[in-house]
Amino acid sequence: MKKFIYIILISIGLTSCSDWLNVSPSTEKDREDLITTEAGFKEMLYGCYINMTDVALYGHQLTYGSIESFAKNYCWAFAPSYDYTDKTVRPTIDAIWTGMYNTIANDNSILKDIESHKELFSNGEGEILEGEALAMRAFLHFDLLRMFAPAYTGNESKIAIPYVETYESKRYSHISESQVIKKVLADLDKAETLLKGANDPILSGITRVLSGKGDFLANRQYRFNYWAVEALKARVYLYVGDKASALKYAMDVINNGPFKWVSETDLTGDHPDRVFMSEIISALNVPKLSTSYTDYFASEKYSLTDGWGNYGLNVFEDSNDYRYLYLMTNNKEKNKVISCKYDQNPAGSSAMKEETVPLLRLGEMYLIAAECNISSNPTETIRLLRELKTHRGYLSTDKGIDDNANGTQLLGYVKKEMRKETYAEGQTFFMYKRLQLGAIPAFSPWWSGATYTMQPSYYTFPLPEAEKEYGDIPKS
């Protein structure tokens, strides 16, 4: 059977504070039933979030899975020579494409009818639901662009991916990278307006609250909230080289968002906060994360080092760095340094921390702002870097940042901190791609300065064969 980018409605789930339930609206009639009620629309949105937690997507591969291996953050190499067509690799790549577009399909199923059904909602919840759905659509398409198209700078006019905005069975034409970005930003602009106009609770500094009508407005850090939209704008603008806009949105989150630096006391004791919860802008609640942790991190595959066991400390540079001291485990017997970020054991009052995978965090905003200031205001870059490292346990006065560092050195600091800050969260590979690095830090147990030579093609996943054969792909 021919395979296109089809809008398909797949299994949807819904959640409450303590339960995960599954429903399967496998027919159009099921969907039509759902859109007649407020609860039905909410179930559909919950289902989209659940789809994102699939192991093929952000529940594994796009956070702490293969995407980290491609960044050389593990001693295990999923595709050692970046041969994405290898029979052991290709199914994972194809599953990412399919899973992302299926989630977009579910998302568009909501957006098709939400505007004409706002009378079902009160207290601005219809606008918040629509804003989240738009932000999700932008988020997913942006990551598809970062994976399946060449690095943006210099390739703006290259034909990239389809941007699917409707709920219908059809082939969708692939459009240029700049057109994709234009649509991403349009969705984010509308989401921003809706969430602000509806007074998203997170705008009042509230990250966890019950709405009085079930739990739809609870746990805003686990949703595409207003600040997640601002943070994603910062990430998108940096990717396309618009540093002025990236700086604007990153600083808005830093200066006006409710996110606070984690304290060292939060990281110790019987229930350590290993995801730095107070700094999370947006995250996913991933069921069975503890099982995944055992399956992957307890093995040697997801180790940051082997051999002499020194490479992990070389990456993090300082043994006092909270991200090394509290988020890495050092098995001296086996000479392994392994992330324990997802070995979560929360206090009962914060049970969702047990299954948390971050998508956007405060530290990234500091690093975006720091990078955007390198040319225009290097003193501000140094200040931002030192503030971040102060809250990561660095004790020296200069925090390892030279007062006289030049632009190249400052960018080097940013790259190192980004790797540390988002380790096992899937962002390092995209940073290397955005910067179009010809060489990246390579895993080596013997030399911390080892590098791996990258070709431009290594940064781009191939389209599925069926999409290349039957998809609507204009010639560049």
Protein backbone atom coordinates (compact mmCIF):
# COMPACT_ATOMS: atom_id res chain seq x y z
CA MET A 1 0.00 0.00 0.00
CA LYS A 2 1.29 3.45 -0.87
CA LYS A 3 2.26 5.51 2.14
CA PHE A 4 1.86 9.27 2.18
CA ILE A 5 1.84 11.93 4.85
CA TYR A 6 -1.74 11.09 5.71
CA ILE A 7 -3.73 12.60 8.52
CA ILE A 8 -4.60 9.61 10.65
CA LEU A 9 -6.24 9.48 14.02
CA ILE A 10 -4.42 6.99 16.20
CA SER A 11 -4.91 5.85 19.77
CA ILE A 12 -5.61 8.69 22.16
CA GLY A 13 -5.20 8.66 25.91
CA LEU A 14 -6.40 10.80 28.75
CA THR A 15 -5.04 11.47 32.17
CA SER A 16 -6.14 12.61 35.56
CA CYS A 17 -3.99 13.51 38.55
CA SER A 18 -3.33 9.87 39.38
CA ASP A 19 -4.61 7.70 36.52
CA TRP A 20 -3.67 7.04 32.93
CA LEU A 21 -6.63 5.77 30.89
CA ASN A 22 -6.76 4.77 27.25
CA VAL A 23 -9.47 5.35 24.71
CA SER A 24 -9.31 4.53 21.04
CA PRO A 25 -11.36 6.75 18.77
CA SER A 26 -10.61 4.66 15.70
CA THR A 27 -13.40 6.04 13.56
CA GLU A 28 -14.56 9.48 12.51
CA LYS A 29 -17.76 8.84 14.47
CA ASP A 30 -15.73 8.43 17.67
CA ARG A 31 -14.04 11.74 16.95
CA GLU A 32 -17.34 13.47 16.29
CA ASP A 33 -18.56 12.26 19.67
CA LEU A 34 -15.50 13.65 21.41
CA ILE A 35 -15.82 17.14 19.95
CA THR A 36 -19.35 17.56 21.31
CA THR A 37 -18.09 17.97 24.89
CA GLU A 38 -15.50 19.93 26.80
CA ALA A 39 -14.19 16.68 28.28
CA GLY A 40 -13.82 15.19 24.81
CA PHE A 41 -11.58 18.00 23.59
CA LYS A 42 -9.48 17.72 26.74
CA GLU A 43 -9.12 13.97 26.28
CA MET A 44 -7.89 14.55 22.75
CA LEU A 45 -5.25 17.01 23.95
CA TYR A 46 -4.14 14.68 26.74
CA GLY A 47 -3.82 11.99 24.09
CA CYS A 48 -1.45 14.13 22.06
CA TYR A 49 0.81 14.60 25.08
CA ILE A 50 0.73 10.86 25.70
CA ASN A 51 1.66 10.19 22.07
CA MET A 52 4.70 12.41 22.55
CA THR A 53 5.88 10.14 25.39
CA ASP A 54 6.14 7.12 23.10
CA VAL A 55 9.57 5.48 23.25
CA ALA A 56 10.02 6.28 19.55
CA LEU A 57 9.72 9.98 20.39
CA TYR A 58 10.35 11.98 23.57
CA GLY A 59 9.82 9.04 25.89
CA HIS A 60 13.23 7.80 24.80
CA GLN A 61 14.75 8.29 21.36
CA LEU A 62 14.50 12.09 21.08
CA THR A 63 15.64 12.89 24.62
CA TYR A 64 17.98 10.38 26.23
CA GLY A 65 18.10 7.79 23.43
CA SER A 66 19.63 7.68 19.97
CA ILE A 67 19.77 11.47 19.62
CA GLU A 68 22.29 11.58 22.48
CA SER A 69 24.32 8.83 20.88
CA PHE A 70 24.50 10.90 17.69
CA ALA A 71 25.98 13.72 19.82
CA LYS A 72 28.67 11.32 21.10
CA ASN A 73 27.38 11.66 24.65
CA TYR A 74 27.51 7.91 25.32
CA CYS A 75 30.20 5.31 24.86
CA TRP A 76 27.54 3.40 22.86
CA ALA A 77 27.23 4.46 19.24
CA PHE A 78 23.82 3.73 17.74
CA ALA A 79 25.02 4.64 14.24
CA PRO A 80 28.84 4.66 14.53
CA SER A 81 29.45 6.03 11.05
CA TYR A 82 26.17 8.00 10.86
CA ASP A 83 24.78 5.54 8.32
CA TYR A 84 21.11 6.19 8.97
CA THR A 85 20.11 3.75 6.22
CA ASP A 86 21.66 0.81 8.04
CA LYS A 87 19.07 -1.89 8.64
CA THR A 88 19.54 -1.62 12.43
CA VAL A 89 19.11 2.17 12.39
CA ARG A 90 16.57 2.92 9.68
CA PRO A 91 13.51 1.56 11.55
CA THR A 92 14.18 3.97 14.44
CA ILE A 93 14.49 6.95 12.08
CA ASP A 94 11.32 5.99 10.20
CA ALA A 95 9.42 5.52 13.47
CA ILE A 96 10.34 9.08 14.49
CA TRP A 97 8.91 10.48 11.25
CA THR A 98 5.72 8.44 11.51
CA GLY A 99 5.21 9.05 15.21
CA MET A 100 5.70 12.80 14.91
CA TYR A 101 3.27 13.21 12.02
CA ASN A 102 0.69 10.95 13.66
CA THR A 103 0.83 13.13 16.75
CA ILE A 104 0.44 16.20 14.54
CA ALA A 105 -2.59 14.50 12.99
CA ASN A 106 -4.22 14.12 16.39
CA ASP A 107 -3.32 17.70 17.21
CA ASN A 108 -4.91 18.97 14.00
CA SER A 109 -8.01 16.98 14.82
CA ILE A 110 -8.41 19.30 17.81
CA LEU A 111 -7.56 22.49 15.94
CA LYS A 112 -10.03 21.70 13.16
CA ASP A 113 -13.03 22.28 15.44
CA ILE A 114 -11.92 23.99 18.63
CA GLU A 115 -12.62 27.55 17.45
CA SER A 116 -16.24 26.71 16.60
CA HIS A 117 -16.80 24.94 19.91
CA LYS A 118 -15.53 27.54 22.38
CA GLU A 119 -19.03 27.76 23.91
CA LEU A 120 -18.33 24.39 25.55
CA PHE A 121 -15.66 26.00 27.74
CA SER A 122 -15.47 28.61 30.47
CA ASN A 123 -12.73 30.45 32.36
CA GLY A 124 -10.65 30.76 29.19
CA GLU A 125 -9.95 27.03 29.08
CA GLY A 126 -10.93 26.77 25.41
CA GLU A 127 -8.35 29.40 24.50
CA ILE A 128 -5.71 27.69 26.64
CA LEU A 129 -6.44 24.34 24.99
CA GLU A 130 -6.15 25.87 21.53
CA GLY A 131 -2.96 27.70 22.48
CA GLU A 132 -1.36 24.50 23.74
CA ALA A 133 -2.37 22.61 20.60
CA LEU A 134 -0.84 25.29 18.37
CA ALA A 135 2.37 25.33 20.42
CA MET A 136 2.58 21.55 20.20
CA ARG A 137 2.17 21.65 16.42
CA ALA A 138 4.98 24.20 16.17
CA PHE A 139 7.22 22.23 18.54
CA LEU A 140 6.83 18.98 16.60
CA HIS A 141 7.33 20.51 13.16
CA PHE A 142 10.37 22.42 14.37
CA ASP A 143 12.01 19.24 15.61
CA LEU A 144 11.13 17.46 12.37
CA LEU A 145 12.88 20.29 10.52
CA ARG A 146 15.93 20.01 12.77
CA MET A 147 16.14 16.28 12.06
CA PHE A 148 15.08 15.80 8.44
CA ALA A 149 16.44 18.93 6.76
CA PRO A 150 19.96 20.39 6.50
CA ALA A 151 21.17 23.00 8.99
CA TYR A 152 19.17 26.19 8.40
CA THR A 153 21.84 28.79 7.70
CA GLY A 154 22.73 28.63 4.01
CA ASN A 155 19.89 26.24 3.25
CA GLU A 156 16.89 28.48 3.82
CA SER A 157 15.44 27.87 0.37
CA LYS A 158 16.01 24.12 0.36
CA ILE A 159 12.89 21.95 0.21
CA ALA A 160 12.45 20.38 3.61
CA ILE A 161 9.32 18.80 5.14
CA PRO A 162 5.54 19.19 4.97
CA TYR A 163 3.93 21.55 7.47
CA VAL A 164 0.58 19.90 8.13
CA GLU A 165 -2.10 22.34 9.25
CA THR A 166 -5.34 20.59 8.36
CA TYR A 167 -7.17 17.42 9.35
CA GLU A 168 -7.79 15.58 6.10
CA SER A 169 -6.53 12.60 4.15
CA LYS A 170 -4.20 13.97 1.49
CA ARG A 171 -0.64 14.32 0.41
CA TYR A 172 1.06 17.39 1.83
CA SER A 173 3.66 19.20 -0.19
CA HIS A 174 7.15 19.59 1.20
CA ILE A 175 8.05 23.25 1.58
CA SER A 176 11.30 25.17 2.06
CA GLU A 177 13.03 25.53 5.38
CA SER A 178 12.22 29.23 5.59
CA GLN A 179 8.54 28.50 4.91
CA VAL A 180 8.50 25.91 7.68
CA ILE A 181 10.00 28.40 10.12
CA LYS A 182 7.47 31.04 9.07
CA LYS A 183 4.64 28.63 9.90
CA VAL A 184 6.26 27.56 13.18
CA LEU A 185 6.47 31.17 14.29
CA ALA A 186 2.92 31.93 13.13
CA ASP A 187 1.59 29.08 15.28
CA LEU A 188 3.67 30.28 18.23
CA ASP A 189 2.50 33.88 17.81
CA LYS A 190 -1.13 32.79 17.89
CA ALA A 191 -0.49 30.45 20.83
CA GLU A 192 1.17 33.29 22.74
CA THR A 193 -1.82 35.57 22.16
CA LEU A 194 -4.33 32.92 23.22
CA LEU A 195 -2.48 31.86 26.36
CA LYS A 196 -1.84 35.42 27.46
CA GLY A 197 -5.40 36.50 26.74
CA ALA A 198 -6.80 33.58 28.72
CA ASN A 199 -4.48 34.37 31.64
CA ASP A 200 -2.63 31.07 31.71
CA PRO A 201 -2.15 30.37 35.47
CA ILE A 202 1.61 30.24 34.96
CA LEU A 203 1.52 33.98 34.20
CA SER A 204 0.61 34.51 37.86
CA GLY A 205 3.63 32.49 38.92
CA ILE A 206 1.53 29.39 39.48
CA THR A 207 3.02 26.21 38.08
CA ARG A 208 0.81 23.70 39.87
CA VAL A 209 -2.83 24.47 40.64
CA LEU A 210 -6.25 22.88 40.44
CA SER A 211 -8.75 24.78 38.32
CA GLY A 212 -11.84 23.77 40.25
CA LYS A 213 -13.07 21.90 37.15
CA GLY A 214 -11.00 18.77 37.34
CA ASP A 215 -7.30 19.12 36.71
CA PHE A 216 -7.06 20.69 33.26
CA LEU A 217 -5.07 23.70 34.48
CA ALA A 218 -2.96 21.73 36.93
CA ASN A 219 0.77 21.14 36.56
CA ARG A 220 1.46 23.80 33.96
CA GLN A 221 5.11 22.77 33.72
CA TYR A 222 3.93 19.56 32.05
CA ARG A 223 2.17 21.43 29.28
CA PHE A 224 2.96 23.87 26.49
CA ASN A 225 2.25 26.84 28.73
CA TYR A 226 2.79 30.53 27.97
CA TRP A 227 6.44 30.52 29.05
CA ALA A 228 7.10 27.36 27.05
CA VAL A 229 5.94 29.28 23.97
CA GLU A 230 8.34 32.14 24.77
CA ALA A 231 11.19 29.70 25.40
CA LEU A 232 10.51 27.81 22.19
CA LYS A 233 10.55 31.10 20.29
CA ALA A 234 13.99 31.79 21.72
CA ARG A 235 15.17 28.35 20.58
CA VAL A 236 13.69 28.77 17.09
CA TYR A 237 15.05 32.27 16.56
CA LEU A 238 18.53 31.18 17.62
CA TYR A 239 18.36 28.25 15.20
CA VAL A 240 17.64 30.57 12.27
CA GLY A 241 20.26 33.12 13.32
CA ASP A 242 17.95 35.91 14.49
CA LYS A 243 19.88 36.61 17.66
CA ALA A 244 18.09 39.84 18.52
CA SER A 245 14.74 38.04 18.69
CA ALA A 246 16.24 35.01 20.42
CA LEU A 247 17.72 37.28 23.08
CA LYS A 248 14.43 39.11 23.54
CA TYR A 249 12.45 35.95 24.28
CA ALA A 250 15.15 34.27 26.36
CA MET A 251 15.44 37.33 28.59
CA ASP A 252 11.67 37.58 28.89
CA VAL A 253 11.62 34.07 30.35
CA ILE A 254 14.60 34.82 32.60
CA ASN A 255 13.32 38.14 33.91
CA ASN A 256 9.58 37.54 34.06
CA GLY A 257 9.01 33.80 34.31
CA PRO A 258 8.31 32.05 37.65
CA PHE A 259 11.32 29.72 37.35
CA LYS A 260 13.83 29.66 40.19
CA TRP A 261 17.28 28.20 40.53
CA VAL A 262 17.40 24.82 42.24
CA SER A 263 19.22 24.81 45.60
CA GLU A 264 21.78 22.22 46.63
CA THR A 265 19.50 21.06 49.45
CA ASP A 266 16.90 20.10 46.80
CA LEU A 267 19.42 17.70 45.30
CA THR A 268 20.18 15.67 48.41
CA GLY A 269 18.30 13.56 50.93
CA ASP A 270 15.86 10.70 50.45
CA HIS A 271 13.96 12.42 47.64
CA PRO A 272 16.47 14.32 45.50
CA ASP A 273 15.17 16.56 42.72
CA ARG A 274 17.21 15.23 39.83
CA VAL A 275 15.40 17.15 37.10
CA PHE A 276 15.79 20.59 38.77
CA MET A 277 12.02 20.95 38.86
CA SER A 278 11.89 24.63 39.78
CA GLU A 279 13.82 25.41 36.59
CA ILE A 280 11.71 23.37 34.18
CA ILE A 281 9.71 25.43 31.69
CA SER A 282 8.04 22.47 30.03
CA ALA A 283 8.33 18.72 30.46
CA LEU A 284 6.54 15.46 29.73
CA ASN A 285 5.17 13.02 32.25
CA VAL A 286 6.53 9.71 30.91
CA PRO A 287 4.91 6.52 32.25
CA LYS A 288 7.29 3.68 33.15
CA LEU A 289 10.31 5.97 33.01
CA SER A 290 11.83 4.03 35.90
CA THR A 291 11.69 0.86 33.81
CA SER A 292 13.41 2.63 30.94
CA TYR A 293 16.08 3.91 33.31
CA THR A 294 16.81 0.38 34.47
CA ASP A 295 16.82 -0.96 30.91
CA TYR A 296 19.15 1.64 29.46
CA PHE A 297 21.21 3.44 32.09
CA ALA A 298 21.93 0.41 34.24
CA SER A 299 23.72 -1.07 31.26
CA GLU A 300 27.03 0.12 29.89
CA LYS A 301 25.44 1.50 26.70
CA TYR A 302 24.44 4.86 28.15
CA SER A 303 27.66 5.40 30.08
CA LEU A 304 29.60 8.61 29.63
CA THR A 305 32.89 6.81 30.04
CA ASP A 306 34.71 3.54 30.14
CA GLY A 307 38.30 2.43 30.39
CA TRP A 308 39.94 4.71 32.95
CA GLY A 309 36.71 6.32 34.12
CA ASN A 310 38.01 9.91 33.85
CA TYR A 311 36.14 11.16 30.80
CA GLY A 312 32.95 11.96 32.68
CA LEU A 313 34.73 14.39 34.98
CA ASN A 314 36.60 15.88 32.02
CA VAL A 315 33.26 16.72 30.39
CA PHE A 316 31.86 18.35 33.53
CA GLU A 317 35.23 19.92 34.41
CA ASP A 318 34.62 20.39 38.15
CA SER A 319 33.70 17.69 40.66
CA ASN A 320 31.62 20.29 42.54
CA ASP A 321 29.37 20.86 39.53
CA TYR A 322 25.87 19.81 40.68
CA ARG A 323 25.26 18.24 37.28
CA TYR A 324 28.19 15.91 37.89
CA LEU A 325 28.03 15.56 41.66
CA TYR A 326 24.30 14.81 41.91
CA LEU A 327 23.20 13.80 38.42
CA MET A 328 25.94 11.31 37.56
CA THR A 329 26.82 8.06 39.31
CA ASN A 330 30.40 6.89 39.30
CA ASN A 331 30.81 3.13 39.36
CA LYS A 332 34.50 2.93 40.15
CA GLU A 333 34.52 -0.86 40.02
CA LYS A 334 33.42 -0.82 36.39
CA ASN A 335 34.91 2.58 35.55
CA LYS A 336 31.51 3.86 34.43
CA VAL A 337 29.96 7.29 34.84
CA ILE A 338 26.23 7.13 34.14
CA SER A 339 23.50 9.76 34.35
CA CYS A 340 21.05 9.25 37.21
CA LYS A 341 18.80 12.13 36.06
CA TYR A 342 16.00 9.70 35.31
CA ASP A 343 16.47 7.60 38.42
CA GLN A 344 13.81 9.66 40.11
CA ASN A 345 12.56 9.07 43.65
CA PRO A 346 10.27 11.99 44.48
CA ALA A 347 8.52 12.97 47.67
CA GLY A 348 4.85 12.02 47.76
CA SER A 349 3.71 15.61 47.32
CA SER A 350 5.57 15.87 44.01
CA ALA A 351 4.82 12.47 42.58
CA MET A 352 5.00 13.55 38.94
CA LYS A 353 8.73 14.15 39.30
CA GLU A 354 9.10 10.37 39.19
CA GLU A 355 8.28 10.35 35.49
CA THR A 356 9.64 13.67 34.23
CA VAL A 357 11.55 14.23 31.00
CA PRO A 358 12.39 17.93 30.41
CA LEU A 359 11.72 19.64 27.09
CA LEU A 360 12.67 23.25 27.90
CA ARG A 361 14.56 24.57 30.90
CA LEU A 362 15.79 27.81 32.43
CA GLY A 363 19.48 27.01 31.93
CA GLU A 364 19.03 26.84 28.17
CA MET A 365 17.55 30.34 28.22
CA TYR A 366 20.68 31.63 29.97
CA LEU A 367 22.86 29.97 27.36
CA ILE A 368 20.80 31.33 24.46
CA ALA A 369 21.09 34.83 25.95
CA ALA A 370 24.80 34.35 26.58
CA GLU A 371 25.45 33.28 22.98
CA CYS A 372 23.38 36.13 21.56
CA ASN A 373 25.47 38.67 23.48
CA ILE A 374 28.91 37.41 22.42
CA SER A 375 29.45 39.96 19.65
CA SER A 376 27.47 42.90 20.97
CA ASN A 377 27.97 42.65 24.73
CA PRO A 378 30.59 40.07 25.79
CA THR A 379 30.54 41.39 29.37
CA GLU A 380 26.89 40.33 29.58
CA THR A 381 27.80 36.92 28.17
CA ILE A 382 30.33 36.48 30.95
CA ARG A 383 27.80 37.60 33.56
CA LEU A 384 25.17 35.15 32.36
CA LEU A 385 27.62 32.26 32.21
CA ARG A 386 28.90 32.99 35.69
CA GLU A 387 25.39 33.26 37.09
CA LEU A 388 24.52 29.86 35.65
CA LYS A 389 27.70 28.26 36.96
CA THR A 390 27.24 29.85 40.38
CA HIS A 391 23.96 27.96 40.63
CA ARG A 392 25.68 24.79 39.54
CA GLY A 393 28.07 24.75 42.48
CA TYR A 394 31.20 26.38 41.05
CA LEU A 395 33.15 27.95 43.89
CA SER A 396 35.89 30.01 42.21
CA THR A 397 35.37 33.73 41.79
CA ASP A 398 35.53 33.67 37.99
CA LYS A 399 33.59 30.36 37.73
CA GLY A 400 36.13 29.23 35.16
CA ILE A 401 35.24 32.08 32.78
CA ASP A 402 38.17 34.26 31.72
CA ASP A 403 37.52 38.02 31.98
CA ASN A 404 39.42 38.55 28.75
CA ALA A 405 37.92 35.69 26.75
CA ASN A 406 37.46 36.42 23.06
CA GLY A 407 34.41 35.52 21.00
CA THR A 408 35.66 32.07 20.08
CA GLN A 409 36.44 31.27 23.70
CA LEU A 410 33.05 32.55 24.86
CA LEU A 411 31.25 30.38 22.32
CA GLY A 412 33.37 27.49 23.55
CA TYR A 413 32.11 28.09 27.09
CA VAL A 414 28.52 28.17 25.85
CA LYS A 415 28.93 24.89 23.96
CA LYS A 416 30.40 23.17 27.01
CA GLU A 417 27.66 24.42 29.30
CA MET A 418 24.90 23.47 26.87
CA ARG A 419 26.24 19.93 26.75
CA LYS A 420 26.29 19.76 30.55
CA GLU A 421 22.98 21.54 31.07
CA THR A 422 20.92 19.40 28.69
CA TYR A 423 22.80 16.12 29.00
CA ALA A 424 20.44 13.20 28.20
CA GLU A 425 17.75 15.66 27.05
CA GLY A 426 18.44 15.58 23.32
CA GLN A 427 19.69 19.11 22.62
CA THR A 428 23.46 18.71 22.13
CA PHE A 429 23.19 17.20 18.65
CA PHE A 430 20.96 20.06 17.48
CA MET A 431 23.40 22.63 18.86
CA TYR A 432 26.26 21.05 16.91
CA LYS A 433 24.08 21.00 13.79
CA ARG A 434 23.01 24.64 14.16
CA LEU A 435 26.65 25.68 14.45
CA GLN A 436 27.54 23.35 11.55
CA LEU A 437 30.55 22.05 13.44
CA GLY A 438 33.05 20.12 11.37
CA ALA A 439 34.31 18.38 14.48
CA ILE A 440 32.55 17.56 17.74
CA PRO A 441 33.82 16.22 21.07
CA ALA A 442 34.34 12.50 20.66
CA PHE A 443 34.04 9.84 23.29
CA SER A 444 37.49 8.77 24.45
CA PRO A 445 38.35 7.28 27.82
CA TRP A 446 41.94 8.36 27.43
CA TRP A 447 41.91 11.90 26.05
CA SER A 448 39.37 14.61 26.84
CA GLY A 449 40.39 16.58 23.76
CA ALA A 450 39.43 13.88 21.27
CA THR A 451 37.19 14.97 18.41
CA TYR A 452 35.12 13.30 15.72
CA THR A 453 35.04 14.71 12.19
CA MET A 454 31.51 15.46 11.04
CA GLN A 455 30.19 15.71 7.48
CA PRO A 456 27.11 17.88 6.80
CA SER A 457 25.14 14.75 5.88
CA TYR A 458 25.69 13.32 9.37
CA TYR A 459 23.38 15.99 10.77
CA THR A 460 20.39 15.13 8.57
CA PHE A 461 18.13 12.10 8.81
CA PRO A 462 16.93 10.57 5.52
CA LEU A 463 13.26 10.74 4.59
CA PRO A 464 11.44 7.40 4.70
CA GLU A 465 11.71 5.54 1.40
CA ALA A 466 7.94 5.60 0.91
CA GLU A 467 7.89 9.37 1.40
CA LYS A 468 10.68 9.82 -1.15
CA GLU A 469 8.83 7.64 -3.66
CA TYR A 470 5.25 8.81 -3.20
CA GLY A 471 5.44 12.10 -1.32
CA ASP A 472 4.77 15.50 -2.86
CA ILE A 473 8.36 16.76 -2.95
CA PRO A 474 8.99 19.67 -5.34
CA LYS A 475 12.40 19.87 -6.91
CA SER A 476 14.64 22.46 -5.22
